[in-house]
Amino acid sequence: MPFLGSAIAAGISYGAMRMLGNAHIDDCCQVLIQLQSSTTFEHETTARDI
């Protein structure tokens, strides 16, 4: 039975880390989208000028 407790703890840890990791990825994507939308026009005008 000592292995059962370890297995349950591992499952809980995996679930928690997966949730945190996915939340972090979502936050990073939102920052990237905001950066892209705020700088797209600048990059397009720079590309035309070259």
Protein backbone atom coordinates (compact mmCIF):
# COMPACT_ATOMS: atom_id res chain seq x y z
CA MET A 1 0.00 0.00 0.00
CA PRO A 2 2.86 2.51 0.36
CA PHE A 3 3.06 2.70 -3.44
CA LEU A 4 -0.58 3.72 -3.70
CA GLY A 5 0.06 6.95 -1.79
CA SER A 6 3.04 7.75 -4.01
CA ALA A 7 1.00 7.10 -7.14
CA ILE A 8 -1.80 9.37 -5.93
CA ALA A 9 0.68 12.13 -5.02
CA ALA A 10 2.31 11.83 -8.42
CA GLY A 11 -1.05 12.09 -10.15
CA ILE A 12 -2.01 15.19 -8.18
CA SER A 13 1.36 16.79 -8.84
CA TYR A 14 1.11 16.03 -12.55
CA GLY A 15 -2.37 17.53 -12.76
CA ALA A 16 -1.36 20.68 -10.89
CA MET A 17 1.77 21.22 -12.97
CA ARG A 18 -0.13 20.62 -16.19
CA MET A 19 -2.71 23.26 -15.22
CA LEU A 20 0.00 25.76 -14.28
CA GLY A 21 1.99 25.04 -17.44
CA ASN A 22 -1.02 25.48 -19.69
CA ALA A 23 -1.98 28.71 -17.93
CA HIS A 24 1.56 30.01 -18.44
CA ILE A 25 1.50 29.12 -22.13
CA ASP A 26 -1.89 30.86 -22.53
CA ASP A 27 -0.53 33.99 -20.83
CA CYS A 28 2.55 34.00 -23.07
CA CYS A 29 0.36 33.65 -26.16
CA GLN A 30 -1.77 36.61 -25.07
CA VAL A 31 1.35 38.76 -24.61
CA LEU A 32 2.63 37.71 -28.03
CA ILE A 33 -0.71 38.51 -29.68
CA GLN A 34 -0.76 41.94 -28.04
CA LEU A 35 2.81 42.64 -29.14
CA GLN A 36 2.12 41.53 -32.69
CA SER A 37 -1.02 43.62 -32.99
CA SER A 38 0.70 46.73 -31.63
CA THR A 39 3.80 46.46 -33.83
CA THR A 40 2.39 45.03 -37.08
CA PHE A 41 1.91 48.42 -38.70
CA GLU A 42 5.43 49.53 -37.82
CA HIS A 43 6.94 46.38 -39.36
CA GLU A 44 4.86 46.71 -42.52
CA THR A 45 5.91 50.32 -43.10
CA THR A 46 9.53 49.45 -42.40
CA ALA A 47 9.39 46.58 -44.91
CA ARG A 48 7.99 48.90 -47.60
CA ASP A 49 10.64 51.51 -46.98
CA ILE A 50 13.47 49.03 -47.53
